Amino acid sequence: MSCYIEDRQEKHIHFVDGTEGGYTSAAIMFKEKMKKFQLRR
């Protein structure tokens, strides 16, 4: 499980990774795509 915490009382999100890394895999793929996009500029 991954967590993003802005405020412990109200503003926090929990991400539960499913099979094959769901959220984690998506984050890695997104970062790779952003790097390629920035290289084009």
N, C-alpha and C. Protein backbone atom coordinates (compact mmCIF):
# COMPACT_ATOMS: atom_id res chain seq x y z
N MET A 1 0.85 -1.17 0.00
CA MET A 1 0.00 0.00 0.00
C MET A 1 0.89 1.24 0.00
N SER A 2 0.50 2.22 -0.76
CA SER A 2 1.19 3.51 -0.80
C SER A 2 0.23 4.57 -0.29
N CYS A 3 0.76 5.58 0.37
CA CYS A 3 -0.09 6.63 0.93
C CYS A 3 0.43 8.01 0.53
N TYR A 4 -0.49 8.91 0.25
CA TYR A 4 -0.17 10.32 0.04
C TYR A 4 -0.84 11.07 1.19
N ILE A 5 -0.05 11.77 1.98
CA ILE A 5 -0.61 12.45 3.15
C ILE A 5 -0.31 13.94 3.08
N GLU A 6 -1.36 14.73 2.96
CA GLU A 6 -1.23 16.19 3.03
C GLU A 6 -1.60 16.64 4.44
N ASP A 7 -2.58 15.99 5.01
CA ASP A 7 -3.06 16.31 6.35
C ASP A 7 -3.60 15.01 6.96
N ARG A 8 -3.07 14.58 8.08
CA ARG A 8 -3.47 13.30 8.67
C ARG A 8 -4.94 13.26 9.06
N GLN A 9 -5.53 14.39 9.37
CA GLN A 9 -6.93 14.41 9.81
C GLN A 9 -7.91 14.20 8.66
N GLU A 10 -7.66 14.86 7.52
CA GLU A 10 -8.65 14.83 6.45
C GLU A 10 -8.09 14.53 5.07
N LYS A 11 -6.95 15.09 4.73
CA LYS A 11 -6.46 15.02 3.36
C LYS A 11 -5.37 13.97 3.20
N HIS A 12 -5.79 12.73 3.04
CA HIS A 12 -4.83 11.67 2.77
C HIS A 12 -5.51 10.60 1.91
N ILE A 13 -4.70 9.95 1.09
CA ILE A 13 -5.20 8.95 0.15
C ILE A 13 -4.36 7.70 0.31
N HIS A 14 -5.01 6.54 0.27
CA HIS A 14 -4.31 5.26 0.31
C HIS A 14 -4.48 4.58 -1.05
N PHE A 15 -3.39 4.14 -1.64
CA PHE A 15 -3.42 3.41 -2.89
C PHE A 15 -3.04 1.96 -2.59
N VAL A 16 -3.90 1.03 -2.94
CA VAL A 16 -3.61 -0.38 -2.72
C VAL A 16 -3.19 -0.97 -4.06
N ASP A 17 -1.95 -1.47 -4.13
CA ASP A 17 -1.45 -2.07 -5.36
C ASP A 17 -2.09 -3.44 -5.56
N GLY A 18 -2.65 -3.64 -6.74
CA GLY A 18 -3.23 -4.92 -7.07
C GLY A 18 -2.17 -5.86 -7.62
N THR A 19 -2.60 -6.85 -8.35
CA THR A 19 -1.65 -7.79 -8.93
C THR A 19 -0.74 -7.08 -9.91
N GLU A 20 0.46 -7.50 -9.98
CA GLU A 20 1.48 -6.96 -10.88
C GLU A 20 1.75 -5.48 -10.65
N GLY A 21 1.54 -4.99 -9.46
CA GLY A 21 1.97 -3.63 -9.11
C GLY A 21 1.07 -2.50 -9.55
N GLY A 22 -0.13 -2.74 -9.97
CA GLY A 22 -1.10 -1.74 -10.42
C GLY A 22 -0.66 -0.29 -10.37
N TYR A 23 -0.83 0.35 -9.24
CA TYR A 23 -0.51 1.77 -9.08
C TYR A 23 0.98 2.04 -9.29
N THR A 24 1.82 1.18 -8.74
CA THR A 24 3.26 1.37 -8.87
C THR A 24 3.70 1.27 -10.32
N SER A 25 3.21 0.27 -11.03
CA SER A 25 3.56 0.11 -12.45
C SER A 25 3.08 1.31 -13.27
N ALA A 26 1.89 1.77 -12.98
CA ALA A 26 1.35 2.93 -13.70
C ALA A 26 2.21 4.17 -13.46
N ALA A 27 2.67 4.37 -12.24
CA ALA A 27 3.51 5.53 -11.92
C ALA A 27 4.83 5.46 -12.66
N ILE A 28 5.43 4.28 -12.73
CA ILE A 28 6.70 4.11 -13.44
C ILE A 28 6.51 4.39 -14.93
N MET A 29 5.46 3.84 -15.51
CA MET A 29 5.19 4.06 -16.94
C MET A 29 4.94 5.54 -17.22
N PHE A 30 4.20 6.21 -16.35
CA PHE A 30 3.90 7.62 -16.52
C PHE A 30 5.19 8.45 -16.50
N LYS A 31 6.08 8.16 -15.56
CA LYS A 31 7.34 8.90 -15.46
C LYS A 31 8.19 8.70 -16.71
N GLU A 32 8.22 7.49 -17.26
CA GLU A 32 8.98 7.23 -18.48
C GLU A 32 8.41 8.02 -19.65
N LYS A 33 7.09 8.06 -19.76
CA LYS A 33 6.46 8.82 -20.84
C LYS A 33 6.73 10.32 -20.70
N MET A 34 6.72 10.82 -19.48
CA MET A 34 7.00 12.24 -19.26
C MET A 34 8.43 12.59 -19.66
N LYS A 35 9.38 11.71 -19.38
CA LYS A 35 10.77 11.95 -19.77
C LYS A 35 10.89 12.03 -21.29
N LYS A 36 10.23 11.12 -22.00
CA LYS A 36 10.27 11.13 -23.47
C LYS A 36 9.63 12.40 -24.02
N PHE A 37 8.53 12.82 -23.42
CA PHE A 37 7.84 14.03 -23.85
C PHE A 37 8.73 15.25 -23.66
N GLN A 38 9.42 15.33 -22.54
CA GLN A 38 10.29 16.47 -22.25
C GLN A 38 11.49 16.50 -23.17
N LEU A 39 11.97 15.36 -23.61
CA LEU A 39 13.10 15.31 -24.53
C LEU A 39 12.73 15.87 -25.91
N ARG A 40 11.47 15.76 -26.29
CA ARG A 40 11.01 16.25 -27.59
C ARG A 40 10.98 17.77 -27.66
N ARG A 41 10.88 18.42 -26.54
CA ARG A 41 10.74 19.88 -26.53
C ARG A 41 12.02 20.56 -26.82
